[in-house]
Amino acid sequence: METEFAVAGTSYAWLVEPPSWTVEGSAVVATAAARTDVFRSPFGEAPREDAARALTPPPGEEWQLTARLRVDFGASWDAGGLLVHADEHTWAKITFERSPDGVPTLYSVVTRDGRSDDAIGPAADADAMWLRLSGFDGGCAMHHSTDGRNWRLLRQFTLGAPRPVGVGLVVQSPIGAGCRVRFDDISLDATRLAHLYDGR
């Protein structure tokens, strides 16, 4: 199967390819394989590195990756999200995820020095969620929105010393039988985030 695709003028390559995926205009539909995740436990458990991820180099030192996600939730921690990735020990993701109590929730994970810092955000009372991952001034910011216009800051962070990174999409189903994720209106722009706290 072809492991590269282009959407909205940007080419992506699967670092780990999902069992099925399609490109539909400015949308990507991908199905996470069963029992796949990307997470490095802070408690020393075996790392998970098998979640499907598609990456592309960002278009400069200032960039914004945005998409609207719909996830066919089945099991706890089924999710789709956006990812910035330097190497297997250094990466971060923002996900639209099913919490263990069955509620769609925003999660963020920042992994440095081979250990993940997992933070649970607000519940998401919506069947679709806009996510944005931005890079500027050597750091990154994560935002979410229900309408693509009004944004809320979820997290700000750094991956440490400057290094080449890839940015892109991730789908996961850590304990489930797999889940389908639709990424609509994907865009990767060489623009600076102007307002950190409201995401404009």
N, C-alpha and C. Protein backbone atom coordinates (compact mmCIF):
# COMPACT_ATOMS: atom_id res chain seq x y z
N MET A 1 0.84 -1.20 0.00
CA MET A 1 0.00 0.00 0.00
C MET A 1 0.88 1.25 0.00
N GLU A 2 0.45 2.28 -0.69
CA GLU A 2 1.15 3.56 -0.68
C GLU A 2 1.20 4.10 0.75
N THR A 3 2.38 4.55 1.17
CA THR A 3 2.53 5.02 2.54
C THR A 3 2.63 6.54 2.64
N GLU A 4 2.42 7.23 1.54
CA GLU A 4 2.44 8.69 1.54
C GLU A 4 1.14 9.21 0.95
N PHE A 5 0.76 10.40 1.35
CA PHE A 5 -0.43 11.03 0.80
C PHE A 5 -0.28 12.54 0.90
N ALA A 6 -1.08 13.25 0.12
CA ALA A 6 -1.09 14.71 0.16
C ALA A 6 -2.50 15.18 0.47
N VAL A 7 -2.58 16.18 1.33
CA VAL A 7 -3.86 16.78 1.66
C VAL A 7 -3.64 18.27 1.88
N ALA A 8 -4.51 19.08 1.28
CA ALA A 8 -4.43 20.53 1.38
C ALA A 8 -3.04 21.05 1.01
N GLY A 9 -2.43 20.43 0.00
CA GLY A 9 -1.15 20.89 -0.51
C GLY A 9 0.06 20.45 0.29
N THR A 10 -0.12 19.60 1.29
CA THR A 10 0.99 19.13 2.13
C THR A 10 1.10 17.61 2.02
N SER A 11 2.33 17.12 1.86
CA SER A 11 2.58 15.69 1.78
C SER A 11 2.92 15.12 3.14
N TYR A 12 2.30 14.01 3.49
CA TYR A 12 2.52 13.31 4.75
C TYR A 12 2.99 11.89 4.45
N ALA A 13 3.74 11.31 5.38
CA ALA A 13 4.16 9.91 5.27
C ALA A 13 3.83 9.20 6.56
N TRP A 14 3.34 7.97 6.45
CA TRP A 14 3.02 7.18 7.64
C TRP A 14 4.30 6.69 8.30
N LEU A 15 4.53 7.10 9.53
CA LEU A 15 5.61 6.53 10.34
C LEU A 15 5.22 5.12 10.75
N VAL A 16 3.96 4.95 11.15
CA VAL A 16 3.33 3.65 11.36
C VAL A 16 2.01 3.71 10.60
N GLU A 17 1.80 2.80 9.69
CA GLU A 17 0.63 2.85 8.82
C GLU A 17 -0.56 2.14 9.46
N PRO A 18 -1.76 2.71 9.39
CA PRO A 18 -2.95 2.04 9.92
C PRO A 18 -3.41 0.94 8.96
N PRO A 19 -4.26 0.05 9.44
CA PRO A 19 -4.73 -1.03 8.57
C PRO A 19 -5.56 -0.55 7.39
N SER A 20 -6.23 0.59 7.55
CA SER A 20 -6.97 1.16 6.42
C SER A 20 -7.00 2.67 6.55
N TRP A 21 -6.95 3.35 5.40
CA TRP A 21 -7.03 4.81 5.37
C TRP A 21 -7.35 5.27 3.96
N THR A 22 -7.98 6.43 3.89
CA THR A 22 -8.32 7.05 2.61
C THR A 22 -8.17 8.55 2.74
N VAL A 23 -7.98 9.21 1.61
CA VAL A 23 -7.96 10.66 1.53
C VAL A 23 -9.18 11.10 0.72
N GLU A 24 -9.94 12.02 1.27
CA GLU A 24 -11.15 12.52 0.63
C GLU A 24 -11.09 14.05 0.61
N GLY A 25 -10.49 14.61 -0.45
CA GLY A 25 -10.35 16.06 -0.53
C GLY A 25 -9.40 16.55 0.55
N SER A 26 -9.90 17.42 1.44
CA SER A 26 -9.07 17.93 2.54
C SER A 26 -9.27 17.12 3.82
N ALA A 27 -9.76 15.88 3.66
CA ALA A 27 -10.00 15.01 4.82
C ALA A 27 -9.20 13.72 4.69
N VAL A 28 -8.85 13.16 5.85
CA VAL A 28 -8.24 11.84 5.93
C VAL A 28 -9.08 11.00 6.87
N VAL A 29 -9.40 9.78 6.46
CA VAL A 29 -10.12 8.84 7.31
C VAL A 29 -9.18 7.67 7.56
N ALA A 30 -8.89 7.40 8.83
CA ALA A 30 -7.94 6.34 9.19
C ALA A 30 -8.52 5.50 10.32
N THR A 31 -8.25 4.21 10.27
CA THR A 31 -8.71 3.28 11.30
C THR A 31 -7.52 2.80 12.12
N ALA A 32 -7.58 3.04 13.42
CA ALA A 32 -6.54 2.55 14.32
C ALA A 32 -6.62 1.03 14.43
N ALA A 33 -5.49 0.38 14.41
CA ALA A 33 -5.47 -1.06 14.65
C ALA A 33 -5.79 -1.36 16.11
N ALA A 34 -6.28 -2.56 16.35
CA ALA A 34 -6.61 -2.96 17.72
C ALA A 34 -5.38 -2.92 18.61
N ARG A 35 -5.61 -2.45 19.84
CA ARG A 35 -4.60 -2.45 20.90
C ARG A 35 -3.31 -1.76 20.46
N THR A 36 -3.45 -0.55 19.90
CA THR A 36 -2.30 0.25 19.48
C THR A 36 -2.32 1.59 20.21
N ASP A 37 -1.12 2.06 20.53
CA ASP A 37 -1.00 3.30 21.30
C ASP A 37 0.40 3.87 21.08
N VAL A 38 0.58 5.14 21.43
CA VAL A 38 1.90 5.73 21.54
C VAL A 38 1.94 6.41 22.91
N PHE A 39 2.72 5.81 23.82
CA PHE A 39 2.77 6.28 25.21
C PHE A 39 3.98 5.64 25.88
N ARG A 40 4.68 6.44 26.70
CA ARG A 40 5.83 5.94 27.44
C ARG A 40 5.57 6.21 28.92
N SER A 41 5.19 5.19 29.63
CA SER A 41 4.72 5.32 31.01
C SER A 41 5.75 5.98 31.91
N PRO A 42 5.31 6.92 32.76
CA PRO A 42 6.24 7.51 33.75
C PRO A 42 6.58 6.53 34.87
N PHE A 43 5.90 5.38 34.91
CA PHE A 43 6.11 4.39 35.98
C PHE A 43 6.95 3.21 35.53
N GLY A 44 7.58 3.32 34.36
CA GLY A 44 8.52 2.30 33.93
C GLY A 44 7.91 1.12 33.20
N GLU A 45 6.61 1.17 32.88
CA GLU A 45 6.01 0.09 32.10
C GLU A 45 6.56 0.12 30.67
N ALA A 46 6.38 -0.96 29.95
CA ALA A 46 6.90 -1.06 28.59
C ALA A 46 6.30 0.03 27.71
N PRO A 47 7.12 0.71 26.92
CA PRO A 47 6.58 1.77 26.06
C PRO A 47 5.69 1.20 24.97
N ARG A 48 4.72 2.02 24.56
CA ARG A 48 3.84 1.68 23.45
C ARG A 48 4.22 2.57 22.27
N GLU A 49 4.50 1.95 21.12
CA GLU A 49 4.99 2.72 19.97
C GLU A 49 4.31 2.30 18.67
N ASP A 50 3.14 1.66 18.76
CA ASP A 50 2.56 1.08 17.55
C ASP A 50 1.33 1.80 17.03
N ALA A 51 0.95 2.95 17.61
CA ALA A 51 -0.17 3.71 17.07
C ALA A 51 0.18 4.26 15.69
N ALA A 52 -0.80 4.31 14.80
CA ALA A 52 -0.58 4.85 13.46
C ALA A 52 -0.34 6.36 13.54
N ARG A 53 0.72 6.81 12.85
CA ARG A 53 1.08 8.23 12.84
C ARG A 53 1.54 8.62 11.45
N ALA A 54 1.05 9.76 10.96
CA ALA A 54 1.47 10.33 9.68
C ALA A 54 2.11 11.68 9.94
N LEU A 55 3.31 11.89 9.40
CA LEU A 55 4.09 13.08 9.73
C LEU A 55 4.57 13.80 8.48
N THR A 56 4.83 15.10 8.66
CA THR A 56 5.45 15.93 7.63
C THR A 56 6.32 16.97 8.31
N PRO A 57 7.39 17.44 7.67
CA PRO A 57 8.16 18.52 8.29
C PRO A 57 7.32 19.80 8.35
N PRO A 58 7.41 20.55 9.44
CA PRO A 58 6.67 21.81 9.50
C PRO A 58 7.27 22.81 8.52
N PRO A 59 6.48 23.80 8.10
CA PRO A 59 6.95 24.73 7.05
C PRO A 59 7.80 25.88 7.57
N GLY A 60 8.53 25.68 8.65
CA GLY A 60 9.35 26.74 9.21
C GLY A 60 9.34 26.66 10.73
N GLU A 61 9.89 27.67 11.38
CA GLU A 61 9.95 27.68 12.83
C GLU A 61 8.62 28.10 13.46
N GLU A 62 7.75 28.73 12.67
CA GLU A 62 6.43 29.11 13.15
C GLU A 62 5.39 28.41 12.28
N TRP A 63 4.49 27.68 12.91
CA TRP A 63 3.53 26.89 12.15
C TRP A 63 2.29 26.61 12.99
N GLN A 64 1.19 26.27 12.29
CA GLN A 64 -0.05 25.88 12.96
C GLN A 64 -0.67 24.73 12.17
N LEU A 65 -0.92 23.62 12.86
CA LEU A 65 -1.60 22.46 12.29
C LEU A 65 -2.98 22.37 12.92
N THR A 66 -4.00 22.34 12.07
CA THR A 66 -5.39 22.37 12.54
C THR A 66 -6.19 21.29 11.82
N ALA A 67 -7.13 20.68 12.52
CA ALA A 67 -8.06 19.73 11.92
C ALA A 67 -9.30 19.58 12.80
N ARG A 68 -10.40 19.19 12.18
CA ARG A 68 -11.61 18.82 12.92
C ARG A 68 -11.69 17.29 12.94
N LEU A 69 -11.93 16.73 14.12
CA LEU A 69 -11.92 15.28 14.29
C LEU A 69 -13.28 14.75 14.68
N ARG A 70 -13.64 13.62 14.09
CA ARG A 70 -14.77 12.80 14.52
C ARG A 70 -14.23 11.40 14.77
N VAL A 71 -14.53 10.86 15.93
CA VAL A 71 -13.99 9.55 16.32
C VAL A 71 -15.15 8.59 16.59
N ASP A 72 -15.10 7.42 15.98
CA ASP A 72 -16.09 6.37 16.28
C ASP A 72 -15.62 5.64 17.54
N PHE A 73 -15.98 6.20 18.68
CA PHE A 73 -15.50 5.66 19.95
C PHE A 73 -16.11 4.29 20.23
N GLY A 74 -15.26 3.39 20.73
CA GLY A 74 -15.72 2.07 21.15
C GLY A 74 -15.25 1.76 22.55
N ALA A 75 -13.94 1.74 22.74
CA ALA A 75 -13.35 1.39 24.02
C ALA A 75 -12.67 2.60 24.66
N SER A 76 -12.36 2.46 25.93
CA SER A 76 -11.62 3.52 26.62
C SER A 76 -10.32 3.82 25.89
N TRP A 77 -10.03 5.12 25.81
CA TRP A 77 -8.81 5.66 25.21
C TRP A 77 -8.75 5.55 23.69
N ASP A 78 -9.83 5.11 23.04
CA ASP A 78 -9.91 5.28 21.59
C ASP A 78 -9.78 6.76 21.30
N ALA A 79 -8.99 7.13 20.27
CA ALA A 79 -8.74 8.55 20.05
C ALA A 79 -8.16 8.82 18.67
N GLY A 80 -8.33 10.06 18.27
CA GLY A 80 -7.56 10.65 17.18
C GLY A 80 -6.95 11.92 17.69
N GLY A 81 -5.87 12.35 17.06
CA GLY A 81 -5.23 13.57 17.55
C GLY A 81 -4.20 14.12 16.60
N LEU A 82 -3.54 15.17 17.06
CA LEU A 82 -2.44 15.82 16.35
C LEU A 82 -1.16 15.60 17.14
N LEU A 83 -0.05 15.52 16.42
CA LEU A 83 1.21 15.08 17.01
C LEU A 83 2.36 15.95 16.52
N VAL A 84 3.30 16.26 17.42
CA VAL A 84 4.60 16.80 17.04
C VAL A 84 5.64 15.80 17.54
N HIS A 85 6.57 15.40 16.66
CA HIS A 85 7.42 14.24 16.93
C HIS A 85 8.86 14.54 16.55
N ALA A 86 9.77 14.43 17.52
CA ALA A 86 11.20 14.56 17.23
C ALA A 86 11.85 13.18 17.11
N ASP A 87 11.58 12.30 18.07
CA ASP A 87 12.05 10.92 18.03
C ASP A 87 11.19 10.12 19.00
N GLU A 88 11.47 8.83 19.15
CA GLU A 88 10.60 7.98 19.97
C GLU A 88 10.60 8.38 21.44
N HIS A 89 11.61 9.13 21.86
CA HIS A 89 11.71 9.57 23.26
C HIS A 89 11.21 11.00 23.47
N THR A 90 10.86 11.70 22.36
CA THR A 90 10.58 13.13 22.43
C THR A 90 9.45 13.48 21.47
N TRP A 91 8.26 13.67 22.02
CA TRP A 91 7.10 13.97 21.18
C TRP A 91 5.95 14.45 22.07
N ALA A 92 4.89 14.95 21.43
CA ALA A 92 3.70 15.37 22.17
C ALA A 92 2.48 15.19 21.28
N LYS A 93 1.34 14.96 21.93
CA LYS A 93 0.08 14.81 21.18
C LYS A 93 -1.05 15.44 21.95
N ILE A 94 -2.03 15.97 21.21
CA ILE A 94 -3.31 16.40 21.75
C ILE A 94 -4.35 15.50 21.12
N THR A 95 -5.23 14.90 21.94
CA THR A 95 -6.18 13.92 21.43
C THR A 95 -7.61 14.21 21.88
N PHE A 96 -8.54 13.82 21.00
CA PHE A 96 -9.96 13.76 21.29
C PHE A 96 -10.24 12.29 21.59
N GLU A 97 -10.55 11.97 22.85
CA GLU A 97 -10.38 10.62 23.37
C GLU A 97 -11.57 10.21 24.24
N ARG A 98 -11.88 8.92 24.24
CA ARG A 98 -12.92 8.39 25.12
C ARG A 98 -12.30 8.07 26.47
N SER A 99 -12.77 8.74 27.51
CA SER A 99 -12.25 8.48 28.85
C SER A 99 -12.81 7.15 29.38
N PRO A 100 -12.23 6.61 30.45
CA PRO A 100 -12.72 5.34 30.98
C PRO A 100 -14.18 5.37 31.43
N ASP A 101 -14.72 6.55 31.75
CA ASP A 101 -16.13 6.64 32.12
C ASP A 101 -17.04 6.86 30.92
N GLY A 102 -16.47 6.76 29.71
CA GLY A 102 -17.26 6.81 28.49
C GLY A 102 -17.50 8.20 27.93
N VAL A 103 -16.88 9.22 28.49
CA VAL A 103 -17.13 10.60 28.07
C VAL A 103 -16.03 11.06 27.11
N PRO A 104 -16.39 11.62 25.95
CA PRO A 104 -15.35 12.21 25.09
C PRO A 104 -14.63 13.34 25.82
N THR A 105 -13.31 13.31 25.77
CA THR A 105 -12.49 14.20 26.61
C THR A 105 -11.26 14.63 25.83
N LEU A 106 -10.73 15.81 26.18
CA LEU A 106 -9.47 16.27 25.61
C LEU A 106 -8.32 15.80 26.49
N TYR A 107 -7.34 15.18 25.87
CA TYR A 107 -6.14 14.74 26.58
C TYR A 107 -4.91 15.39 25.92
N SER A 108 -3.84 15.52 26.70
CA SER A 108 -2.56 15.93 26.14
C SER A 108 -1.46 15.10 26.78
N VAL A 109 -0.46 14.79 25.98
CA VAL A 109 0.70 14.03 26.45
C VAL A 109 1.96 14.72 25.92
N VAL A 110 2.89 15.01 26.80
CA VAL A 110 4.20 15.53 26.42
C VAL A 110 5.25 14.53 26.90
N THR A 111 6.07 14.06 25.98
CA THR A 111 7.07 13.03 26.28
C THR A 111 8.46 13.61 26.07
N ARG A 112 9.25 13.60 27.14
CA ARG A 112 10.63 14.06 27.09
C ARG A 112 11.48 13.08 27.88
N ASP A 113 12.70 12.85 27.40
CA ASP A 113 13.62 11.92 28.06
C ASP A 113 13.00 10.53 28.23
N GLY A 114 12.12 10.17 27.29
CA GLY A 114 11.57 8.83 27.29
C GLY A 114 10.44 8.57 28.26
N ARG A 115 9.90 9.61 28.92
CA ARG A 115 8.79 9.45 29.84
C ARG A 115 7.66 10.41 29.47
N SER A 116 6.43 9.91 29.48
CA SER A 116 5.28 10.72 29.10
C SER A 116 4.62 11.38 30.30
N ASP A 117 4.27 12.65 30.14
CA ASP A 117 3.50 13.42 31.11
C ASP A 117 2.10 13.57 30.54
N ASP A 118 1.17 12.81 31.08
CA ASP A 118 -0.20 12.70 30.58
C ASP A 118 -1.10 13.63 31.39
N ALA A 119 -1.86 14.49 30.71
CA ALA A 119 -2.77 15.41 31.41
C ALA A 119 -4.17 15.28 30.83
N ILE A 120 -5.15 15.16 31.72
CA ILE A 120 -6.55 15.02 31.32
C ILE A 120 -7.18 16.40 31.32
N GLY A 121 -7.75 16.77 30.18
CA GLY A 121 -8.39 18.07 30.02
C GLY A 121 -9.89 17.99 30.23
N PRO A 122 -10.62 18.98 29.71
CA PRO A 122 -12.06 19.02 29.93
C PRO A 122 -12.81 17.98 29.10
N ALA A 123 -13.99 17.61 29.59
CA ALA A 123 -14.90 16.80 28.79
C ALA A 123 -15.35 17.61 27.57
N ALA A 124 -15.63 16.91 26.49
CA ALA A 124 -16.00 17.57 25.23
C ALA A 124 -17.43 17.19 24.89
N ASP A 125 -18.35 18.09 25.12
CA ASP A 125 -19.77 17.85 24.86
C ASP A 125 -20.07 18.14 23.39
N ALA A 126 -19.50 17.32 22.51
CA ALA A 126 -19.66 17.52 21.07
C ALA A 126 -19.31 16.22 20.37
N ASP A 127 -19.88 16.00 19.18
CA ASP A 127 -19.54 14.80 18.42
C ASP A 127 -18.35 15.02 17.50
N ALA A 128 -17.90 16.26 17.40
CA ALA A 128 -16.70 16.58 16.64
C ALA A 128 -15.93 17.65 17.40
N MET A 129 -14.62 17.66 17.24
CA MET A 129 -13.78 18.62 17.97
C MET A 129 -12.68 19.12 17.05
N TRP A 130 -12.50 20.44 17.05
CA TRP A 130 -11.37 21.04 16.36
C TRP A 130 -10.16 21.01 17.29
N LEU A 131 -9.01 20.61 16.75
CA LEU A 131 -7.75 20.63 17.49
C LEU A 131 -6.73 21.47 16.72
N ARG A 132 -5.86 22.14 17.47
CA ARG A 132 -4.77 22.90 16.84
C ARG A 132 -3.50 22.68 17.65
N LEU A 133 -2.42 22.48 16.91
CA LEU A 133 -1.08 22.36 17.48
C LEU A 133 -0.22 23.41 16.81
N SER A 134 0.40 24.28 17.61
CA SER A 134 1.16 25.41 17.06
C SER A 134 2.59 25.37 17.58
N GLY A 135 3.53 25.79 16.72
CA GLY A 135 4.92 25.90 17.12
C GLY A 135 5.44 27.31 16.91
N PHE A 136 6.15 27.85 17.90
CA PHE A 136 6.72 29.19 17.80
C PHE A 136 7.68 29.40 18.96
N ASP A 137 8.71 30.22 18.74
CA ASP A 137 9.68 30.61 19.78
C ASP A 137 10.28 29.40 20.51
N GLY A 138 10.45 28.30 19.81
CA GLY A 138 11.05 27.12 20.41
C GLY A 138 10.12 26.27 21.25
N GLY A 139 8.86 26.66 21.34
CA GLY A 139 7.87 25.90 22.11
C GLY A 139 6.65 25.58 21.29
N CYS A 140 5.65 25.01 21.94
CA CYS A 140 4.42 24.61 21.26
C CYS A 140 3.22 24.93 22.14
N ALA A 141 2.06 25.02 21.51
CA ALA A 141 0.81 25.22 22.23
C ALA A 141 -0.26 24.32 21.63
N MET A 142 -1.18 23.87 22.49
CA MET A 142 -2.31 23.04 22.08
C MET A 142 -3.61 23.79 22.38
N HIS A 143 -4.50 23.83 21.39
CA HIS A 143 -5.80 24.47 21.57
C HIS A 143 -6.90 23.53 21.08
N HIS A 144 -8.12 23.77 21.55
CA HIS A 144 -9.28 23.02 21.09
C HIS A 144 -10.47 23.96 20.91
N SER A 145 -11.43 23.54 20.08
CA SER A 145 -12.59 24.37 19.77
C SER A 145 -13.73 23.47 19.33
N THR A 146 -14.94 23.90 19.60
CA THR A 146 -16.11 23.15 19.10
C THR A 146 -16.60 23.68 17.76
N ASP A 147 -16.16 24.90 17.37
CA ASP A 147 -16.67 25.49 16.14
C ASP A 147 -15.59 25.96 15.17
N GLY A 148 -14.31 25.83 15.53
CA GLY A 148 -13.24 26.27 14.66
C GLY A 148 -13.02 27.77 14.66
N ARG A 149 -13.73 28.48 15.52
CA ARG A 149 -13.58 29.94 15.61
C ARG A 149 -13.16 30.40 17.01
N ASN A 150 -13.77 29.81 18.01
CA ASN A 150 -13.49 30.18 19.40
C ASN A 150 -12.63 29.07 20.02
N TRP A 151 -11.40 29.44 20.40
CA TRP A 151 -10.42 28.45 20.81
C TRP A 151 -10.09 28.59 22.30
N ARG A 152 -9.75 27.46 22.92
CA ARG A 152 -9.31 27.43 24.31
C ARG A 152 -7.94 26.78 24.39
N LEU A 153 -7.06 27.38 25.18
CA LEU A 153 -5.74 26.82 25.39
C LEU A 153 -5.83 25.59 26.29
N LEU A 154 -5.22 24.49 25.84
CA LEU A 154 -5.16 23.27 26.65
C LEU A 154 -3.80 23.13 27.33
N ARG A 155 -2.72 23.47 26.61
CA ARG A 155 -1.39 23.23 27.17
C ARG A 155 -0.35 24.02 26.38
N GLN A 156 0.69 24.47 27.06
CA GLN A 156 1.87 25.05 26.43
C GLN A 156 3.09 24.30 26.96
N PHE A 157 4.10 24.11 26.11
CA PHE A 157 5.20 23.22 26.50
C PHE A 157 6.37 23.40 25.55
N THR A 158 7.49 22.78 25.89
CA THR A 158 8.64 22.67 25.01
C THR A 158 9.08 21.21 24.97
N LEU A 159 9.64 20.81 23.84
CA LEU A 159 10.23 19.48 23.72
C LEU A 159 11.70 19.48 24.08
N GLY A 160 12.22 20.61 24.52
CA GLY A 160 13.62 20.67 24.92
C GLY A 160 14.47 21.33 23.85
N ALA A 161 15.71 20.89 23.74
CA ALA A 161 16.65 21.51 22.80
C ALA A 161 16.09 21.47 21.38
N PRO A 162 16.29 22.54 20.62
CA PRO A 162 15.79 22.56 19.23
C PRO A 162 16.32 21.38 18.43
N ARG A 163 15.46 20.80 17.64
CA ARG A 163 15.83 19.67 16.78
C ARG A 163 14.77 19.55 15.69
N PRO A 164 15.09 18.85 14.60
CA PRO A 164 14.07 18.66 13.57
C PRO A 164 12.88 17.87 14.12
N VAL A 165 11.69 18.27 13.74
CA VAL A 165 10.49 17.56 14.16
C VAL A 165 9.61 17.29 12.94
N GLY A 166 8.69 16.36 13.12
CA GLY A 166 7.61 16.16 12.19
C GLY A 166 6.31 16.48 12.90
N VAL A 167 5.30 16.88 12.14
CA VAL A 167 3.99 17.15 12.72
C VAL A 167 2.95 16.41 11.89
N GLY A 168 1.84 16.03 12.54
CA GLY A 168 0.84 15.31 11.78
C GLY A 168 -0.27 14.72 12.62
N LEU A 169 -0.74 13.54 12.20
CA LEU A 169 -1.96 12.92 12.71
C LEU A 169 -1.63 11.63 13.45
N VAL A 170 -2.47 11.28 14.43
CA VAL A 170 -2.31 10.03 15.16
C VAL A 170 -3.68 9.43 15.44
N VAL A 171 -3.78 8.09 15.33
CA VAL A 171 -4.99 7.36 15.71
C VAL A 171 -4.58 6.20 16.61
N GLN A 172 -5.41 5.90 17.62
CA GLN A 172 -5.04 4.88 18.60
C GLN A 172 -6.27 4.17 19.15
N SER A 173 -6.05 2.94 19.62
CA SER A 173 -7.08 2.16 20.30
C SER A 173 -6.37 1.23 21.28
N PRO A 174 -5.89 1.77 22.42
CA PRO A 174 -4.97 1.03 23.29
C PRO A 174 -5.48 -0.29 23.83
N ILE A 175 -6.78 -0.36 24.16
CA ILE A 175 -7.31 -1.62 24.69
C ILE A 175 -8.48 -2.13 23.87
N GLY A 176 -8.83 -1.41 22.82
CA GLY A 176 -10.01 -1.74 22.03
C GLY A 176 -9.70 -2.53 20.78
N ALA A 177 -10.75 -2.73 19.98
CA ALA A 177 -10.65 -3.50 18.75
C ALA A 177 -10.34 -2.63 17.54
N GLY A 178 -10.00 -1.34 17.79
CA GLY A 178 -9.74 -0.40 16.71
C GLY A 178 -10.83 0.65 16.66
N CYS A 179 -10.52 1.79 16.07
CA CYS A 179 -11.53 2.84 15.92
C CYS A 179 -11.23 3.65 14.67
N ARG A 180 -12.30 4.17 14.09
CA ARG A 180 -12.22 4.97 12.86
C ARG A 180 -12.21 6.44 13.24
N VAL A 181 -11.30 7.20 12.65
CA VAL A 181 -11.18 8.62 12.92
C VAL A 181 -11.22 9.37 11.59
N ARG A 182 -12.05 10.41 11.54
CA ARG A 182 -12.11 11.28 10.37
C ARG A 182 -11.50 12.63 10.71
N PHE A 183 -10.48 13.04 9.96
CA PHE A 183 -9.85 14.34 10.10
C PHE A 183 -10.32 15.21 8.94
N ASP A 184 -11.14 16.21 9.24
CA ASP A 184 -11.62 17.13 8.21
C ASP A 184 -10.87 18.45 8.26
N ASP A 185 -10.88 19.15 7.12
CA ASP A 185 -10.34 20.52 7.05
C ASP A 185 -8.93 20.60 7.63
N ILE A 186 -8.09 19.65 7.26
CA ILE A 186 -6.71 19.65 7.72
C ILE A 186 -5.96 20.80 7.06
N SER A 187 -5.23 21.57 7.86
CA SER A 187 -4.39 22.62 7.30
C SER A 187 -3.11 22.74 8.11
N LEU A 188 -2.01 22.96 7.42
CA LEU A 188 -0.72 23.22 8.04
C LEU A 188 -0.18 24.50 7.43
N ASP A 189 -0.12 25.55 8.24
CA ASP A 189 0.21 26.88 7.74
C ASP A 189 1.48 27.40 8.38
N ALA A 190 2.26 28.14 7.60
CA ALA A 190 3.47 28.79 8.11
C ALA A 190 3.10 30.14 8.70
N THR A 191 2.28 30.11 9.74
CA THR A 191 1.83 31.33 10.39
C THR A 191 2.10 31.23 11.89
N ARG A 192 2.27 32.38 12.51
CA ARG A 192 2.53 32.45 13.94
C ARG A 192 1.22 32.57 14.70
N LEU A 193 1.09 31.82 15.77
CA LEU A 193 -0.05 31.98 16.65
C LEU A 193 0.02 33.36 17.30
N ALA A 194 -0.98 34.18 17.04
CA ALA A 194 -0.93 35.58 17.49
C ALA A 194 -1.33 35.74 18.94
N HIS A 195 -2.27 34.93 19.41
CA HIS A 195 -2.81 35.10 20.76
C HIS A 195 -2.80 33.73 21.46
N LEU A 196 -1.91 33.55 22.40
CA LEU A 196 -1.74 32.25 23.05
C LEU A 196 -2.99 31.81 23.79
N TYR A 197 -3.59 32.70 24.57
CA TYR A 197 -4.61 32.24 25.52
C TYR A 197 -5.98 32.06 24.89
N ASP A 198 -6.31 32.80 23.83
CA ASP A 198 -7.60 32.55 23.18
C ASP A 198 -7.44 31.92 21.80
N GLY A 199 -6.20 31.66 21.39
CA GLY A 199 -5.97 30.87 20.18
C GLY A 199 -6.26 31.56 18.87
N ARG A 200 -6.46 32.87 18.86
CA ARG A 200 -6.75 33.55 17.60
C ARG A 200 -5.50 33.63 16.72
